[in-house]
């Protein structure tokens, strides 16, 4: 690792730590945010070990680095499974788990004499699992809400962009590079993470972020050329400026995440105790779509009653009824929603509100909407 590589790695560590802190609150509810937090922790640890290996070369640090790298595919697979709420094929899960265990064992036993063939095997293992994750996200994207589908597409794009960057970390395959692409891969993924909350989870938004970072790097390179700087310095400045721009972008986004919108329950607590005021108290509810009893006319009556028995419907499997699970998922897909909030029933049948939440904090949002449903039952 060169000095510029160490600087880029330090920027990558800062980005992963900022993102980890940014999702900490949502991660307490588990779900997508919980798996994302664990993956970000692993990324920060991997980059920190690489930086430590540059500062103080040691076979122990090398072995630990390889062991952490071996578990990244499995953690990434668990995040993808949670995002689309579908298990990956058994063969993929066994490959990810078996590879993580095998390469960890190899790292701690033969890390002192880590060989070229072992590194090649690790690279192929990571590439195979990431490719399987991409296929899983694309195959299952139609089974989730619109917001979650956009998040899945965005993460698939991030993985696709990060894969060739990660490949450059293997010096035997790309010798002579002035710096490696691992820190940039981390930045791409963290930028995608910063877009997971709310309705900003769109692939084009991620491409816009990357365009800003590349633009900053291009301006730095142009300035260096105009100043007649050596080509090596121009490349180093461009890489550093692009990485720094991405770091500033995501730091600003996570820092302002808590002030971009008011929390749901405090807004409801200040509203008047009637349905109209409660539903207008927060933009998430005010912008939701109403699902009238007539919209449920194509469903059997007993199935509608089963759906109405739950205050909040999500795409999670109902262990009591596969038919109810399928009907709930069909309605969610029909309205591009992540949740269906049950409103107080009227004379003609149950009414719902189709709400499109973000990919992060789904468990917490479900709990809050359940409280609101209970409140609406008693509202005049």
Protein backbone atom coordinates (compact mmCIF):
# COMPACT_ATOMS: atom_id res chain seq x y z
CA UNK A 1 0.00 0.00 0.00
CA UNK A 2 1.31 3.46 -0.94
CA UNK A 3 0.86 6.70 0.99
CA UNK A 4 -2.04 7.72 -1.25
CA UNK A 5 -3.56 4.28 -0.73
CA UNK A 6 -3.31 4.76 3.04
CA UNK A 7 -5.04 8.15 2.79
CA UNK A 8 -7.86 6.70 0.69
CA UNK A 9 -8.22 3.83 3.14
CA UNK A 10 -8.51 6.31 6.03
CA UNK A 11 -11.26 8.16 4.13
CA UNK A 12 -13.04 4.85 3.59
CA UNK A 13 -12.85 4.09 7.32
CA UNK A 14 -14.30 7.50 8.15
CA UNK A 15 -17.13 6.92 5.68
CA UNK A 16 -17.99 3.50 7.10
CA UNK A 17 -17.94 4.83 10.68
CA UNK A 18 -20.17 7.79 9.79
CA UNK A 19 -22.66 5.46 8.10
CA UNK A 20 -22.56 3.04 11.03
CA UNK A 21 -23.37 5.84 13.45
CA UNK A 22 -26.06 7.12 11.08
CA UNK A 23 -27.96 3.83 11.05
CA UNK A 24 -27.40 3.03 14.73
CA UNK A 25 -30.84 4.20 15.85
CA UNK A 26 -32.69 2.26 13.17
CA UNK A 27 -30.46 -0.78 13.77
CA UNK A 28 -31.86 -1.18 17.29
CA UNK A 29 -35.09 -2.37 15.69
CA UNK A 30 -33.31 -5.12 13.75
CA UNK A 31 -34.40 -5.90 10.20
CA UNK A 32 -32.57 -4.35 7.26
CA UNK A 33 -30.93 -1.68 9.43
CA UNK A 34 -29.59 -4.29 11.85
CA UNK A 35 -27.91 -6.31 9.10
CA UNK A 36 -26.66 -3.12 7.47
CA UNK A 37 -25.06 -1.96 10.72
CA UNK A 38 -23.21 -5.28 11.08
CA UNK A 39 -21.97 -5.11 7.51
CA UNK A 40 -20.75 -1.53 7.94
CA UNK A 41 -18.93 -2.54 11.11
CA UNK A 42 -17.19 -5.33 9.22
CA UNK A 43 -16.22 -2.97 6.38
CA UNK A 44 -14.75 -0.45 8.83
CA UNK A 45 -12.84 -3.23 10.61
CA UNK A 46 -11.46 -4.60 7.34
CA UNK A 47 -10.23 -1.19 6.20
CA UNK A 48 -8.75 -0.49 9.63
CA UNK A 49 -6.83 -3.78 9.53
CA UNK A 50 -5.51 -2.95 6.07
CA UNK A 51 -4.33 0.44 7.31
CA UNK A 52 -2.75 -1.20 10.36
CA UNK A 53 -0.97 -3.66 8.09
CA UNK A 54 0.49 -0.75 6.12
CA UNK A 55 1.68 1.07 9.25
CA UNK A 56 2.90 -2.02 11.15
CA UNK A 57 3.28 -5.02 8.82
CA UNK A 58 2.60 -8.23 10.71
CA UNK A 59 1.56 -11.77 9.76
CA UNK A 60 -1.07 -11.61 12.51
CA UNK A 61 -2.65 -8.49 10.98
CA UNK A 62 -2.58 -10.14 7.55
CA UNK A 63 -4.33 -13.23 8.89
CA UNK A 64 -6.98 -11.14 10.64
CA UNK A 65 -7.53 -9.10 7.47
CA UNK A 66 -8.13 -12.24 5.43
CA UNK A 67 -10.44 -13.67 8.09
CA UNK A 68 -12.60 -10.53 8.12
CA UNK A 69 -12.65 -10.43 4.31
CA UNK A 70 -13.90 -14.02 4.29
CA UNK A 71 -17.03 -13.06 6.28
CA UNK A 72 -18.01 -10.05 4.16
CA UNK A 73 -19.88 -12.11 1.51
CA UNK A 74 -22.02 -13.85 4.14
CA UNK A 75 -22.93 -10.56 5.85
CA UNK A 76 -23.78 -9.05 2.47
CA UNK A 77 -25.97 -12.04 1.64
CA UNK A 78 -27.86 -11.69 4.93
CA UNK A 79 -28.54 -8.02 4.16
CA UNK A 80 -29.87 -8.89 0.70
CA UNK A 81 -32.12 -11.62 2.11
CA UNK A 82 -33.57 -9.24 4.69
CA UNK A 83 -34.12 -6.52 2.10
CA UNK A 84 -36.29 -8.70 -0.14
CA UNK A 85 -37.54 -10.89 2.74
CA UNK A 86 -36.70 -14.05 0.82
CA UNK A 87 -34.09 -16.70 1.56
CA UNK A 88 -31.38 -17.18 -1.02
CA UNK A 89 -31.00 -20.66 -2.55
CA UNK A 90 -29.57 -23.17 -0.11
CA UNK A 91 -26.49 -23.70 -2.28
CA UNK A 92 -25.63 -20.00 -2.12
CA UNK A 93 -26.06 -19.91 1.66
CA UNK A 94 -23.89 -22.99 2.10
CA UNK A 95 -21.25 -21.50 -0.20
CA UNK A 96 -21.16 -18.24 1.76
CA UNK A 97 -21.09 -19.92 5.17
CA UNK A 98 -18.69 -22.70 4.17
CA UNK A 99 -16.33 -20.29 2.44
CA UNK A 100 -16.30 -17.94 5.43
CA UNK A 101 -15.41 -20.78 7.77
CA UNK A 102 -12.86 -22.37 5.46
CA UNK A 103 -10.97 -19.16 4.68
CA UNK A 104 -11.02 -18.12 8.33
CA UNK A 105 -9.50 -21.46 9.29
CA UNK A 106 -6.92 -21.11 6.54
CA UNK A 107 -6.08 -17.55 7.64
CA UNK A 108 -5.50 -18.38 11.31
CA UNK A 109 -3.61 -21.59 10.62
CA UNK A 110 -1.55 -20.82 7.52
CA UNK A 111 -1.71 -17.02 7.59
CA UNK A 112 2.00 -16.84 8.14
CA UNK A 113 2.58 -18.43 4.74
CA UNK A 114 -0.45 -17.16 2.84
CA UNK A 115 -0.03 -18.36 -0.73
CA UNK A 116 -0.99 -17.03 -4.11
CA UNK A 117 -3.45 -19.86 -4.85
CA UNK A 118 -5.28 -19.15 -1.57
CA UNK A 119 -5.65 -15.48 -2.53
CA UNK A 120 -6.99 -16.47 -5.94
CA UNK A 121 -9.48 -18.80 -4.27
CA UNK A 122 -10.61 -16.02 -1.91
CA UNK A 123 -11.15 -13.64 -4.83
CA UNK A 124 -13.19 -16.22 -6.76
CA UNK A 125 -15.23 -17.02 -3.64
CA UNK A 126 -16.10 -13.37 -3.05
CA UNK A 127 -16.95 -12.78 -6.70
CA UNK A 128 -19.19 -15.87 -6.84
CA UNK A 129 -21.18 -14.92 -3.75
CA UNK A 130 -21.59 -11.27 -4.82
CA UNK A 131 -22.80 -12.41 -8.25
CA UNK A 132 -25.32 -14.74 -6.57
CA UNK A 133 -26.48 -11.85 -4.36
CA UNK A 134 -27.07 -9.67 -7.41
CA UNK A 135 -29.17 -12.40 -9.01
CA UNK A 136 -31.16 -12.89 -5.80
CA UNK A 137 -31.94 -9.18 -5.52
CA UNK A 138 -33.05 -8.94 -9.14
CA UNK A 139 -35.16 -12.11 -9.02
CA UNK A 140 -37.02 -11.17 -5.83
CA UNK A 141 -37.44 -7.44 -6.38
CA UNK A 142 -41.03 -7.80 -7.57
CA UNK A 143 -42.10 -9.36 -4.26
CA UNK A 144 -41.54 -6.24 -2.13
CA UNK A 145 -42.95 -2.73 -1.91
CA UNK A 146 -42.00 0.03 -4.33
CA UNK A 147 -39.68 1.72 -1.83
CA UNK A 148 -38.00 -1.58 -1.00
CA UNK A 149 -37.76 -2.46 -4.70
CA UNK A 150 -35.93 0.80 -5.37
CA UNK A 151 -33.63 0.07 -2.44
CA UNK A 152 -32.91 -3.41 -3.79
CA UNK A 153 -32.16 -2.00 -7.24
CA UNK A 154 -29.87 0.62 -5.75
CA UNK A 155 -27.94 -1.89 -3.68
CA UNK A 156 -27.67 -4.19 -6.69
CA UNK A 157 -26.19 -1.27 -8.63
CA UNK A 158 -23.80 -0.51 -5.76
CA UNK A 159 -22.64 -4.13 -5.61
CA UNK A 160 -22.21 -4.21 -9.36
CA UNK A 161 -20.06 -1.08 -9.30
CA UNK A 162 -18.08 -2.18 -6.25
CA UNK A 163 -17.18 -5.63 -7.57
CA UNK A 164 -14.58 -4.52 -10.16
CA UNK A 165 -13.17 -2.04 -7.64
CA UNK A 166 -12.77 -4.80 -5.06
CA UNK A 167 -11.01 -6.96 -7.65
CA UNK A 168 -8.14 -4.46 -7.80
CA UNK A 169 -7.37 -5.19 -4.13
CA UNK A 170 -5.71 -8.40 -5.27
CA UNK A 171 -2.24 -7.24 -6.25
CA UNK A 172 -1.44 -10.51 -8.05
CA UNK A 173 -4.18 -9.73 -10.60
CA UNK A 174 -3.50 -5.98 -10.96
CA UNK A 175 0.17 -5.28 -10.25
CA UNK A 176 1.61 -1.80 -10.50
CA UNK A 177 -1.51 0.21 -9.64
CA UNK A 178 -0.78 3.44 -7.72
CA UNK A 179 -3.64 2.60 -5.31
CA UNK A 180 -6.32 -0.05 -4.87
CA UNK A 181 -10.06 0.23 -5.43
CA UNK A 182 -11.19 -1.20 -2.08
CA UNK A 183 -11.69 2.21 -0.41
CA UNK A 184 -13.69 3.40 -3.43
CA UNK A 185 -15.84 0.27 -3.26
CA UNK A 186 -16.55 1.09 0.40
CA UNK A 187 -17.48 4.65 -0.55
CA UNK A 188 -19.86 3.47 -3.27
CA UNK A 189 -21.59 1.13 -0.83
CA UNK A 190 -21.78 3.72 1.95
CA UNK A 191 -23.24 6.31 -0.44
CA UNK A 192 -25.90 3.75 -1.31
CA UNK A 193 -26.55 3.21 2.42
CA UNK A 194 -27.07 6.95 2.89
CA UNK A 195 -29.84 6.76 0.30
CA UNK A 196 -31.72 3.86 1.89
CA UNK A 197 -33.86 5.99 4.20
CA UNK A 198 -37.07 7.51 2.87
CA UNK A 199 -37.92 7.78 -0.81
CA UNK A 200 -34.42 8.62 -1.99
CA UNK A 201 -33.60 4.94 -2.60
CA UNK A 202 -33.30 5.18 -6.36
CA UNK A 203 -30.42 4.01 -8.55
CA UNK A 204 -30.35 7.33 -10.40
CA UNK A 205 -29.83 9.19 -7.11
CA UNK A 206 -26.80 7.01 -6.39
CA UNK A 207 -25.43 7.65 -9.87
CA UNK A 208 -25.90 11.36 -9.23
CA UNK A 209 -23.85 11.12 -6.03
CA UNK A 210 -21.10 9.27 -7.86
CA UNK A 211 -21.16 11.83 -10.65
CA UNK A 212 -20.54 14.59 -8.11
CA UNK A 213 -17.60 12.67 -6.63
CA UNK A 214 -16.14 11.95 -10.07
CA UNK A 215 -16.66 15.58 -11.04
CA UNK A 216 -14.70 16.73 -8.00
CA UNK A 217 -11.89 14.36 -8.94
CA UNK A 218 -11.95 15.61 -12.51
CA UNK A 219 -11.67 19.24 -11.41
CA UNK A 220 -8.71 18.36 -9.20
CA UNK A 221 -7.00 16.55 -12.07
CA UNK A 222 -7.65 19.50 -14.42
CA UNK A 223 -6.22 21.93 -11.89
CA UNK A 224 -3.11 19.77 -11.52
CA UNK A 225 -2.64 19.64 -15.27
CA UNK A 226 -3.03 23.40 -15.62
CA UNK A 227 -0.36 23.77 -12.94
CA UNK A 228 1.91 21.43 -14.94
CA UNK A 229 2.03 18.92 -12.09
CA UNK A 230 3.44 15.43 -12.75
CA UNK A 231 0.94 12.86 -13.95
CA UNK A 232 1.32 10.77 -10.81
CA UNK A 233 0.46 13.77 -8.64
CA UNK A 234 -2.55 14.61 -10.80
CA UNK A 235 -3.89 11.07 -10.41
CA UNK A 236 -3.34 11.16 -6.66
CA UNK A 237 -5.09 14.52 -6.33
CA UNK A 238 -8.02 13.35 -8.45
CA UNK A 239 -8.48 10.19 -6.38
CA UNK A 240 -8.24 12.06 -3.08
CA UNK A 241 -10.59 14.84 -4.17
CA UNK A 242 -13.20 12.36 -5.41
CA UNK A 243 -13.05 10.32 -2.21
CA UNK A 244 -13.16 13.45 -0.05
CA UNK A 245 -16.18 14.77 -1.96
CA UNK A 246 -18.02 11.49 -1.37
CA UNK A 247 -17.12 11.64 2.33
CA UNK A 248 -18.42 15.20 2.70
CA UNK A 249 -21.59 14.31 0.81
CA UNK A 250 -22.52 11.38 3.01
CA UNK A 251 -21.44 13.14 6.22
CA UNK A 252 -23.80 16.02 5.43
CA UNK A 253 -26.59 13.58 4.56
CA UNK A 254 -26.32 11.55 7.76
CA UNK A 255 -25.87 14.69 9.86
CA UNK A 256 -29.09 16.20 8.50
CA UNK A 257 -31.06 12.95 8.53
CA UNK A 258 -32.46 13.69 11.97
CA UNK A 259 -33.72 17.14 10.94
CA UNK A 260 -35.15 16.37 7.50
CA UNK A 261 -38.49 15.30 8.87
CA UNK A 262 -40.36 15.20 12.13
CA UNK A 263 -40.79 11.90 13.94
CA UNK A 264 -44.15 10.22 13.44
CA UNK A 265 -45.44 9.76 16.99
CA UNK A 266 -44.65 13.29 18.31
CA UNK A 267 -46.59 14.77 15.39
CA UNK A 268 -49.55 12.47 16.11
CA UNK A 269 -49.43 13.34 19.82
CA UNK A 270 -50.03 17.02 19.04
CA UNK A 271 -52.91 16.34 16.64
CA UNK A 272 -56.57 16.63 17.56
CA UNK A 273 -58.15 13.28 18.56
CA UNK A 274 -60.05 12.68 15.34
CA UNK A 275 -59.21 10.68 12.24
CA UNK A 276 -58.86 13.62 9.85
CA UNK A 277 -56.43 15.49 12.11
CA UNK A 278 -54.37 12.39 12.88
CA UNK A 279 -53.95 11.46 9.22
CA UNK A 280 -52.96 15.03 8.32
CA UNK A 281 -50.46 15.39 11.17
CA UNK A 282 -47.48 13.86 9.37
CA UNK A 283 -46.45 13.82 5.66
CA UNK A 284 -46.05 10.03 5.69
CA UNK A 285 -49.75 9.63 6.48
CA UNK A 286 -50.97 12.67 4.56
CA UNK A 287 -49.39 11.41 1.32
CA UNK A 288 -50.65 7.83 1.74
CA UNK A 289 -53.27 6.29 -0.56
CA UNK A 290 -56.70 5.38 0.70
CA UNK A 291 -57.84 1.80 0.10
CA UNK A 292 -61.63 1.73 0.07
CA UNK A 293 -63.82 -1.35 0.65
CA UNK A 294 -64.66 -1.27 -3.08
CA UNK A 295 -60.96 -1.76 -3.88
CA UNK A 296 -61.10 -5.05 -1.98
CA UNK A 297 -64.15 -6.37 -3.84
CA UNK A 298 -62.05 -8.82 -5.86
CA UNK A 299 -60.94 -10.61 -2.68
CA UNK A 300 -63.04 -13.28 -0.91
CA UNK A 301 -64.96 -11.97 2.08
CA UNK A 302 -63.30 -14.28 4.57
CA UNK A 303 -59.86 -13.20 3.32
CA UNK A 304 -60.78 -9.53 3.73
CA UNK A 305 -61.89 -10.26 7.29
CA UNK A 306 -58.56 -12.00 7.96
CA UNK A 307 -56.67 -8.97 6.68
CA UNK A 308 -58.81 -6.56 8.68
CA UNK A 309 -58.05 -8.50 11.87
CA UNK A 310 -54.52 -7.08 11.85
CA UNK A 311 -53.97 -3.36 12.59
CA UNK A 312 -50.99 -3.15 10.22
CA UNK A 313 -50.25 -5.33 7.22
CA UNK A 314 -46.75 -5.88 5.86
CA UNK A 315 -45.20 -8.38 3.48
CA UNK A 316 -44.02 -10.50 6.39
CA UNK A 317 -45.34 -14.05 6.30
CA UNK A 318 -48.49 -14.74 8.33
CA UNK A 319 -47.87 -18.20 9.86
CA UNK A 320 -51.60 -18.69 10.36
CA UNK A 321 -52.57 -18.27 6.71
CA UNK A 322 -50.55 -18.44 3.51
CA UNK A 323 -53.60 -17.07 1.66
CA UNK A 324 -53.64 -13.96 3.86
CA UNK A 325 -49.91 -13.53 3.30
CA UNK A 326 -50.36 -13.68 -0.46
CA UNK A 327 -53.30 -11.27 -0.39
CA UNK A 328 -51.40 -8.76 1.75
CA UNK A 329 -48.39 -8.89 -0.57
CA UNK A 330 -50.61 -8.48 -3.62
CA UNK A 331 -52.26 -5.38 -2.12
CA UNK A 332 -48.91 -3.92 -1.11
CA UNK A 333 -47.58 -4.43 -4.64
CA UNK A 334 -50.78 -2.97 -6.13
CA UNK A 335 -50.31 0.29 -4.24
CA UNK A 336 -46.51 0.32 -4.14
CA UNK A 337 -46.68 0.35 -0.34
CA UNK A 338 -44.62 -1.07 2.49
CA UNK A 339 -47.49 -1.01 5.03
CA UNK A 340 -51.28 -1.09 5.03
CA UNK A 341 -52.69 0.75 8.05
CA UNK A 342 -56.16 -0.37 9.13
CA UNK A 343 -58.57 2.52 9.60
CA UNK A 344 -61.68 2.41 11.72
CA UNK A 345 -64.20 0.17 9.89
CA UNK A 346 -67.32 1.76 8.44
CA UNK A 347 -70.67 0.33 7.47
CA UNK A 348 -69.50 -0.95 4.10
CA UNK A 349 -66.37 -2.74 5.25
CA UNK A 350 -62.76 -2.21 6.36
CA UNK A 351 -60.65 0.66 5.04
CA UNK A 352 -56.88 0.78 4.82
CA UNK A 353 -54.22 3.38 4.19
CA UNK A 354 -51.37 2.36 1.85
CA UNK A 355 -48.11 3.81 3.20
CA UNK A 356 -44.75 3.72 1.45
CA UNK A 357 -41.95 3.83 4.04
CA UNK A 358 -38.22 3.54 3.55
CA UNK A 359 -36.14 0.39 3.59
CA UNK A 360 -34.56 1.26 6.93
CA UNK A 361 -36.45 1.19 10.23
CA UNK A 362 -39.27 -1.01 8.96
CA UNK A 363 -39.75 -2.72 12.33
CA UNK A 364 -39.95 0.59 14.19
CA UNK A 365 -42.38 2.02 11.63
CA UNK A 366 -44.59 -1.06 11.99
CA UNK A 367 -44.73 -0.58 15.75
CA UNK A 368 -45.56 3.11 15.44
CA UNK A 369 -48.28 2.48 12.87
CA UNK A 370 -49.78 -0.20 15.14
CA UNK A 371 -50.11 2.40 17.90
CA UNK A 372 -51.73 4.81 15.47
CA UNK A 373 -54.19 2.13 14.32
CA UNK A 374 -55.19 1.52 17.93
CA UNK A 375 -55.65 5.28 18.39
CA UNK A 376 -57.78 5.56 15.26
CA UNK A 377 -60.10 2.83 16.54
CA UNK A 378 -61.08 5.18 19.35
CA UNK A 379 -61.10 8.39 17.34
CA UNK A 380 -64.49 9.98 16.59
